[in-house]
Amino acid sequence: MNTPAAQQLDAIHAMLSAGHRNLRFERHSLLLWGIPAGLLFALSETILTAAQLPDVTQRALAWLALIAVTLTTIGSIDWWWTRRLKQTRDEAWSFVHRQVLKVWWLTMGLAALTTFATFFYGGSYMVCAVWLVFLGIGLYVHGLFSEELLEWAGLLTILIGIGSLLAKLPFETMRWVAAALFGIGLPLLALMLDRGRHRPAHFRLLQMLGWLTAVLIVPIWLEQSSHNQKLPETQAVSLADYLAQPASTTGETVVALPAGTRIPVDIEVSGDLFASPGDHPVLPLTLSQPIELLVRDGQLTGDVRLPGENWQQSRQVHLISIPWIKAELTPQHGPRVSSHLIVQLRSQ
């Protein structure tokens, strides 16, 4: 049983903690920043695509404009809503609050500029991880001056972003994790805020385990399950038989490509250093093992499998990567550009 002296010490400790964490992160802020961003990640593969905007510069500018408009709109509504609440409570904007908002806008701006830069310098595989890391930094900084729950969530968000890269998750999986973390995770945090109350570590741990289940485990499971749809187990036809069919053939066909099949890869050269030949250079590649492709109404569906294994979508695995490229000038070979091309079907 607590003595009066112990109760007074606890009250003093609570007052000091409230004084140190005097920043209030409004619940509506988490909803405003989370739901639209989650929807944007979820729809990112269907809007402003390469098919809709083939020119890379136009597509990059269109995405930058969309992100800028989205962030500006969210930020304006959040500022107006927060100002009204502060006026209702007769509160003023504190110095700490203004500085933390600057950090938040800095992280969101850097994430947007990084996304824009990937259109020209590569690295689009890391876009989702970049947004998660910057979001985690913003949440952690807010948590330092408001609620420790946001510190925990910020650290976990940073770890999820970095861990997704270390685990080499497919981009499609990373996209849905980012969508869930913004669209589900931030609204959940809004419900979990307890106005800076001190909680035992085991209580925070249970909260974060539930939060992780909602924003990481469930989305990954649902996303993986959605790609395990039952495809028709029809008998595969050989490549020669398929090519002999009429071009107007409809329906689904499984085409078997045997090992040793040569697949030409057309390479388009542009820029101001090399002249573009009349015909695109062709890189001849040879299959080292047989694969089966699904064709629907004369078009590849993106579903592929090794004989006897399950179907998977090509977007679910990291198919092609170029780890390095370098130029050499030697007496033996003269000027020469060499590179390393990795093409794999199984994710590792």
Protein backbone atom coordinates (compact mmCIF):
# COMPACT_ATOMS: atom_id res chain seq x y z
CA MET A 1 0.00 0.00 0.00
CA ASN A 2 1.43 3.37 -0.99
CA THR A 3 2.17 5.83 1.76
CA PRO A 4 1.17 9.51 1.44
CA ALA A 5 4.82 10.37 0.83
CA ALA A 6 5.07 7.82 -1.97
CA GLN A 7 1.86 9.13 -3.51
CA GLN A 8 3.24 12.66 -3.41
CA LEU A 9 6.45 11.49 -5.10
CA ASP A 10 4.42 9.74 -7.80
CA ALA A 11 2.40 12.90 -8.35
CA ILE A 12 5.57 15.00 -8.61
CA HIS A 13 7.04 12.48 -11.05
CA ALA A 14 3.89 12.64 -13.19
CA MET A 15 4.00 16.45 -13.18
CA LEU A 16 7.65 16.47 -14.23
CA SER A 17 6.96 13.94 -16.97
CA ALA A 18 4.04 16.03 -18.23
CA GLY A 19 6.26 19.10 -18.22
CA HIS A 20 8.94 17.35 -20.26
CA ARG A 21 6.41 15.89 -22.68
CA ASN A 22 4.27 18.97 -23.14
CA LEU A 23 3.59 18.41 -26.85
CA ARG A 24 0.19 16.99 -27.74
CA PHE A 25 0.01 14.91 -30.92
CA GLU A 26 -3.60 15.27 -31.98
CA ARG A 27 -5.50 12.15 -32.96
CA HIS A 28 -6.82 13.71 -36.15
CA SER A 29 -3.26 14.38 -37.31
CA LEU A 30 -2.48 10.67 -37.40
CA LEU A 31 -5.69 10.00 -39.31
CA LEU A 32 -5.05 12.77 -41.83
CA TRP A 33 -1.47 11.76 -42.52
CA GLY A 34 -2.14 8.03 -42.49
CA ILE A 35 -5.25 7.27 -44.54
CA PRO A 36 -4.53 9.34 -47.70
CA ALA A 37 -0.91 8.17 -47.80
CA GLY A 38 -2.00 4.55 -47.37
CA LEU A 39 -4.44 4.89 -50.26
CA LEU A 40 -1.73 6.48 -52.40
CA PHE A 41 0.59 3.52 -51.81
CA ALA A 42 -2.23 1.07 -52.52
CA LEU A 43 -3.10 2.77 -55.83
CA SER A 44 0.45 3.61 -56.90
CA GLU A 45 0.63 0.74 -59.41
CA THR A 46 -2.54 1.83 -61.22
CA ILE A 47 -2.10 5.60 -61.52
CA LEU A 48 0.55 7.58 -63.42
CA THR A 49 2.10 4.36 -64.72
CA ALA A 50 4.66 3.93 -67.49
CA ALA A 51 1.87 2.87 -69.84
CA GLN A 52 -0.05 6.09 -69.11
CA LEU A 53 3.02 8.36 -69.17
CA PRO A 54 5.84 6.75 -71.17
CA ASP A 55 8.16 9.75 -70.82
CA VAL A 56 10.18 9.37 -67.62
CA THR A 57 10.51 13.11 -66.99
CA GLN A 58 6.78 13.69 -67.36
CA ARG A 59 6.00 10.75 -65.12
CA ALA A 60 8.46 11.93 -62.46
CA LEU A 61 7.05 15.47 -62.50
CA ALA A 62 3.49 14.15 -62.37
CA TRP A 63 4.29 12.04 -59.30
CA LEU A 64 6.11 14.93 -57.64
CA ALA A 65 3.11 17.19 -58.25
CA LEU A 66 0.70 14.57 -56.91
CA ILE A 67 2.77 13.99 -53.76
CA ALA A 68 3.25 17.74 -53.24
CA VAL A 69 -0.48 18.45 -53.60
CA THR A 70 -1.33 15.58 -51.26
CA LEU A 71 1.15 16.65 -48.57
CA THR A 72 0.19 20.33 -48.85
CA THR A 73 -3.52 19.55 -48.60
CA ILE A 74 -3.05 17.24 -45.62
CA GLY A 75 -0.74 19.69 -43.89
CA SER A 76 -3.10 22.62 -44.42
CA ILE A 77 -6.12 20.74 -43.08
CA ASP A 78 -4.09 19.45 -40.14
CA TRP A 79 -2.82 22.94 -39.27
CA TRP A 80 -6.31 24.47 -39.49
CA TRP A 81 -7.90 21.69 -37.43
CA THR A 82 -5.16 21.76 -34.79
CA ARG A 83 -5.39 25.58 -34.52
CA ARG A 84 -9.12 25.39 -33.91
CA LEU A 85 -8.66 22.78 -31.18
CA LYS A 86 -5.97 24.87 -29.52
CA GLN A 87 -8.21 27.91 -29.59
CA THR A 88 -11.00 25.87 -28.03
CA ARG A 89 -8.66 24.74 -25.24
CA ASP A 90 -7.14 28.23 -24.97
CA GLU A 91 -3.67 26.90 -25.82
CA ALA A 92 -0.85 28.52 -27.74
CA TRP A 93 1.58 27.03 -30.24
CA SER A 94 4.64 26.20 -28.15
CA PHE A 95 8.19 26.67 -29.40
CA VAL A 96 8.82 22.92 -29.20
CA HIS A 97 5.69 22.19 -31.24
CA ARG A 98 6.78 24.53 -34.01
CA GLN A 99 10.25 23.00 -34.17
CA VAL A 100 8.91 19.44 -34.23
CA LEU A 101 6.57 20.38 -37.08
CA LYS A 102 9.58 21.65 -39.02
CA VAL A 103 11.29 18.28 -38.54
CA TRP A 104 8.12 16.49 -39.67
CA TRP A 105 7.91 18.57 -42.85
CA LEU A 106 11.62 18.06 -43.45
CA THR A 107 11.25 14.26 -43.33
CA MET A 108 8.18 14.26 -45.58
CA GLY A 109 9.89 16.61 -48.04
CA LEU A 110 13.04 14.49 -48.17
CA ALA A 111 10.98 11.35 -48.79
CA ALA A 112 9.14 13.10 -51.64
CA LEU A 113 12.38 14.34 -53.23
CA THR A 114 13.95 10.90 -52.91
CA THR A 115 10.97 9.40 -54.73
CA PHE A 116 11.38 12.00 -57.47
CA ALA A 117 15.11 11.29 -57.77
CA THR A 118 14.64 7.54 -58.24
CA PHE A 119 13.03 8.16 -61.63
CA PHE A 120 16.38 9.45 -62.90
CA TYR A 121 19.02 7.76 -60.74
CA GLY A 122 17.41 4.40 -60.03
CA GLY A 123 16.72 2.82 -56.66
CA SER A 124 12.93 2.73 -56.95
CA TYR A 125 13.02 -0.62 -55.14
CA MET A 126 13.88 1.31 -51.96
CA VAL A 127 11.11 3.94 -52.21
CA CYS A 128 8.77 2.22 -49.73
CA ALA A 129 11.59 1.66 -47.26
CA VAL A 130 12.64 5.32 -47.54
CA TRP A 131 9.13 6.52 -46.70
CA LEU A 132 8.93 4.16 -43.74
CA VAL A 133 12.30 5.27 -42.36
CA PHE A 134 11.42 8.97 -42.66
CA LEU A 135 7.99 8.33 -41.15
CA GLY A 136 9.65 6.52 -38.27
CA ILE A 137 12.02 9.43 -37.68
CA GLY A 138 9.09 11.85 -37.61
CA LEU A 139 7.13 9.71 -35.16
CA TYR A 140 10.18 9.23 -32.92
CA VAL A 141 10.90 12.96 -32.77
CA HIS A 142 7.26 13.64 -31.90
CA GLY A 143 7.42 10.96 -29.24
CA LEU A 144 10.42 12.57 -27.57
CA PHE A 145 8.25 15.53 -26.62
CA SER A 146 4.76 14.00 -26.46
CA GLU A 147 4.11 10.31 -25.77
CA GLU A 148 6.52 7.43 -25.39
CA LEU A 149 4.15 5.26 -27.43
CA LEU A 150 5.16 7.26 -30.50
CA GLU A 151 8.83 6.60 -29.71
CA TRP A 152 8.19 2.86 -29.75
CA ALA A 153 6.16 3.09 -32.96
CA GLY A 154 8.79 5.30 -34.60
CA LEU A 155 11.63 2.90 -33.82
CA LEU A 156 9.63 -0.08 -35.05
CA THR A 157 8.73 1.76 -38.26
CA ILE A 158 12.40 2.50 -38.92
CA LEU A 159 13.28 -1.15 -38.26
CA ILE A 160 10.51 -2.33 -40.61
CA GLY A 161 11.84 -0.08 -43.37
CA ILE A 162 15.44 -1.23 -42.95
CA GLY A 163 14.45 -4.85 -42.32
CA SER A 164 12.42 -5.03 -45.53
CA LEU A 165 15.56 -4.17 -47.49
CA LEU A 166 17.75 -6.61 -45.57
CA ALA A 167 15.16 -9.36 -46.07
CA LYS A 168 14.98 -8.50 -49.80
CA LEU A 169 11.20 -8.51 -49.75
CA PRO A 170 9.56 -8.20 -53.17
CA PHE A 171 8.61 -4.64 -54.01
CA GLU A 172 4.94 -5.61 -54.19
CA THR A 173 5.09 -6.86 -50.60
CA MET A 174 6.93 -3.76 -49.43
CA ARG A 175 4.32 -1.56 -51.11
CA TRP A 176 1.47 -3.21 -49.22
CA VAL A 177 3.38 -3.07 -45.94
CA ALA A 178 3.86 0.68 -46.47
CA ALA A 179 0.18 1.08 -47.35
CA ALA A 180 -0.85 -0.83 -44.21
CA LEU A 181 1.55 1.06 -41.97
CA PHE A 182 0.28 4.44 -43.13
CA GLY A 183 -3.37 3.56 -43.69
CA ILE A 184 -3.87 1.23 -40.72
CA GLY A 185 -0.92 1.81 -38.40
CA LEU A 186 -1.29 5.56 -37.94
CA PRO A 187 -5.07 5.42 -37.27
CA LEU A 188 -4.41 2.62 -34.76
CA LEU A 189 -1.85 4.83 -33.03
CA ALA A 190 -4.51 7.54 -32.82
CA LEU A 191 -6.72 5.13 -30.89
CA MET A 192 -3.85 4.01 -28.66
CA LEU A 193 -2.68 7.46 -27.55
CA ASP A 194 -3.07 7.88 -23.79
CA ARG A 195 -1.98 11.51 -23.37
CA GLY A 196 1.49 10.78 -22.09
CA ARG A 197 0.57 8.45 -19.26
CA HIS A 198 3.50 6.39 -18.04
CA ARG A 199 2.99 2.70 -18.73
CA PRO A 200 5.04 -0.34 -17.70
CA ALA A 201 7.37 -1.74 -20.34
CA HIS A 202 5.43 -4.99 -20.64
CA PHE A 203 2.23 -3.04 -21.38
CA ARG A 204 3.95 -1.07 -24.15
CA LEU A 205 5.40 -4.32 -25.49
CA LEU A 206 1.95 -5.89 -25.75
CA GLN A 207 0.65 -2.76 -27.47
CA MET A 208 3.44 -2.86 -30.02
CA LEU A 209 3.03 -6.58 -30.67
CA GLY A 210 -0.64 -6.01 -31.48
CA TRP A 211 0.27 -3.03 -33.62
CA LEU A 212 2.92 -5.03 -35.50
CA THR A 213 0.41 -7.79 -36.13
CA ALA A 214 -1.98 -5.30 -37.71
CA VAL A 215 0.56 -3.42 -39.85
CA LEU A 216 3.08 -6.13 -40.75
CA ILE A 217 2.05 -9.74 -40.25
CA VAL A 218 -1.56 -9.53 -41.46
CA PRO A 219 -0.77 -7.42 -44.60
CA ILE A 220 2.07 -9.75 -45.62
CA TRP A 221 -0.13 -12.81 -45.12
CA LEU A 222 -3.02 -11.30 -47.07
CA GLU A 223 -0.76 -10.08 -49.85
CA GLN A 224 0.92 -13.47 -50.20
CA SER A 225 -2.43 -15.28 -50.09
CA SER A 226 -3.84 -13.08 -52.84
CA HIS A 227 -1.14 -14.34 -55.21
CA ASN A 228 -1.75 -18.00 -54.45
CA GLN A 229 -4.90 -18.08 -56.53
CA LYS A 230 -5.69 -21.35 -58.23
CA LEU A 231 -4.68 -21.17 -61.87
CA PRO A 232 -5.85 -23.71 -64.40
CA GLU A 233 -3.71 -26.84 -64.26
CA THR A 234 -3.90 -27.38 -68.00
CA GLN A 235 -1.39 -29.41 -69.91
CA ALA A 236 1.51 -27.25 -71.03
CA VAL A 237 2.10 -26.97 -74.76
CA SER A 238 5.52 -26.68 -76.28
CA LEU A 239 6.80 -23.37 -77.58
CA ALA A 240 6.79 -24.70 -81.13
CA ASP A 241 3.13 -25.79 -80.89
CA TYR A 242 2.12 -22.45 -79.40
CA LEU A 243 3.85 -20.48 -82.16
CA ALA A 244 2.04 -22.60 -84.73
CA GLN A 245 -1.37 -21.54 -83.35
CA PRO A 246 -3.36 -18.71 -84.99
CA ALA A 247 -2.59 -15.23 -83.67
CA SER A 248 -6.24 -14.71 -82.73
CA THR A 249 -6.31 -17.62 -80.25
CA THR A 250 -8.22 -16.74 -77.07
CA GLY A 251 -8.35 -18.32 -73.63
CA GLU A 252 -5.57 -19.46 -71.32
CA THR A 253 -2.58 -21.46 -72.45
CA VAL A 254 0.40 -22.75 -70.50
CA VAL A 255 3.53 -22.57 -72.65
CA ALA A 256 6.58 -24.64 -71.74
CA LEU A 257 9.98 -23.22 -72.62
CA PRO A 258 12.67 -25.91 -72.48
CA ALA A 259 16.18 -25.41 -71.20
CA GLY A 260 18.44 -24.06 -73.93
CA THR A 261 15.76 -21.77 -75.41
CA ARG A 262 17.37 -18.60 -76.68
CA ILE A 263 15.53 -15.42 -75.65
CA PRO A 264 16.69 -12.21 -77.36
CA VAL A 265 16.63 -9.07 -75.22
CA ASP A 266 16.31 -5.82 -77.19
CA ILE A 267 18.32 -2.96 -75.68
CA GLU A 268 17.44 0.63 -76.52
CA VAL A 269 20.43 3.01 -76.36
CA SER A 270 19.90 6.75 -75.85
CA GLY A 271 21.76 9.72 -74.43
CA ASP A 272 24.52 12.00 -75.72
CA LEU A 273 27.47 9.60 -75.55
CA PHE A 274 26.59 6.67 -77.80
CA ALA A 275 24.88 6.80 -81.17
CA SER A 276 21.61 4.93 -81.36
CA PRO A 277 21.83 2.28 -84.10
CA GLY A 278 19.00 1.74 -86.53
CA ASP A 279 18.29 -1.67 -84.98
CA HIS A 280 18.38 -2.08 -81.22
CA PRO A 281 21.33 -4.14 -79.93
CA VAL A 282 20.19 -7.63 -78.97
CA LEU A 283 21.48 -9.47 -75.91
CA PRO A 284 21.01 -13.20 -76.50
CA LEU A 285 20.12 -15.09 -73.33
CA THR A 286 19.78 -18.85 -72.99
CA LEU A 287 17.53 -20.56 -70.44
CA SER A 288 19.48 -22.76 -68.06
CA GLN A 289 16.35 -24.58 -66.89
CA PRO A 290 12.81 -25.06 -68.24
CA ILE A 291 10.03 -22.68 -67.22
CA GLU A 292 6.32 -22.44 -67.90
CA LEU A 293 4.46 -19.20 -68.71
CA LEU A 294 0.75 -18.43 -68.61
CA VAL A 295 -0.68 -16.71 -71.69
CA ARG A 296 -4.22 -15.29 -71.65
CA ASP A 297 -5.78 -14.09 -74.90
CA GLY A 298 -2.38 -13.86 -76.53
CA GLN A 299 -0.78 -11.80 -73.72
CA LEU A 300 1.56 -12.88 -70.94
CA THR A 301 -0.16 -12.59 -67.56
CA GLY A 302 3.07 -12.36 -65.57
CA ASP A 303 2.48 -15.76 -63.96
CA VAL A 304 5.49 -18.06 -64.18
CA ARG A 305 6.58 -21.32 -62.61
CA LEU A 306 9.21 -23.98 -62.78
CA PRO A 307 7.83 -27.38 -63.86
CA GLY A 308 6.16 -29.11 -60.92
CA GLU A 309 6.19 -26.00 -58.70
CA ASN A 310 3.53 -23.44 -57.79
CA TRP A 311 2.66 -20.43 -59.92
CA GLN A 312 4.04 -17.07 -58.92
CA GLN A 313 3.78 -13.61 -60.38
CA SER A 314 6.91 -12.07 -61.82
CA ARG A 315 6.26 -8.93 -59.74
CA GLN A 316 6.55 -11.04 -56.60
CA VAL A 317 10.22 -11.82 -57.08
CA HIS A 318 13.30 -9.74 -57.68
CA LEU A 319 13.90 -10.83 -61.25
CA ILE A 320 16.63 -8.57 -62.60
CA SER A 321 19.37 -6.57 -60.90
CA ILE A 322 22.62 -4.98 -62.05
CA PRO A 323 24.99 -4.83 -59.04
CA TRP A 324 27.76 -3.00 -60.85
CA ILE A 325 28.87 -1.55 -64.16
CA LYS A 326 32.34 -0.22 -65.01
CA ALA A 327 34.36 1.09 -67.93
CA GLU A 328 37.88 -0.06 -68.84
CA LEU A 329 40.57 0.99 -71.29
CA THR A 330 43.32 -1.62 -71.73
CA PRO A 331 45.89 -2.32 -74.48
CA GLN A 332 44.43 -5.81 -74.90
CA HIS A 333 40.78 -4.86 -75.41
CA GLY A 334 40.70 -1.09 -75.88
CA PRO A 335 37.64 0.77 -74.54
CA ARG A 336 35.20 -1.64 -72.94
CA VAL A 337 32.17 -1.51 -70.65
CA SER A 338 31.49 -4.55 -68.47
CA SER A 339 28.65 -5.25 -66.10
CA HIS A 340 27.07 -7.97 -64.00
CA LEU A 341 23.48 -8.95 -64.77
CA ILE A 342 21.56 -11.13 -62.30
CA VAL A 343 18.35 -12.77 -63.49
CA GLN A 344 16.66 -15.10 -61.02
CA LEU A 345 13.20 -16.56 -60.61
CA ARG A 346 13.34 -17.69 -57.02
CA SER A 347 13.47 -14.90 -54.41
CA GLN A 348 16.39 -15.33 -52.06
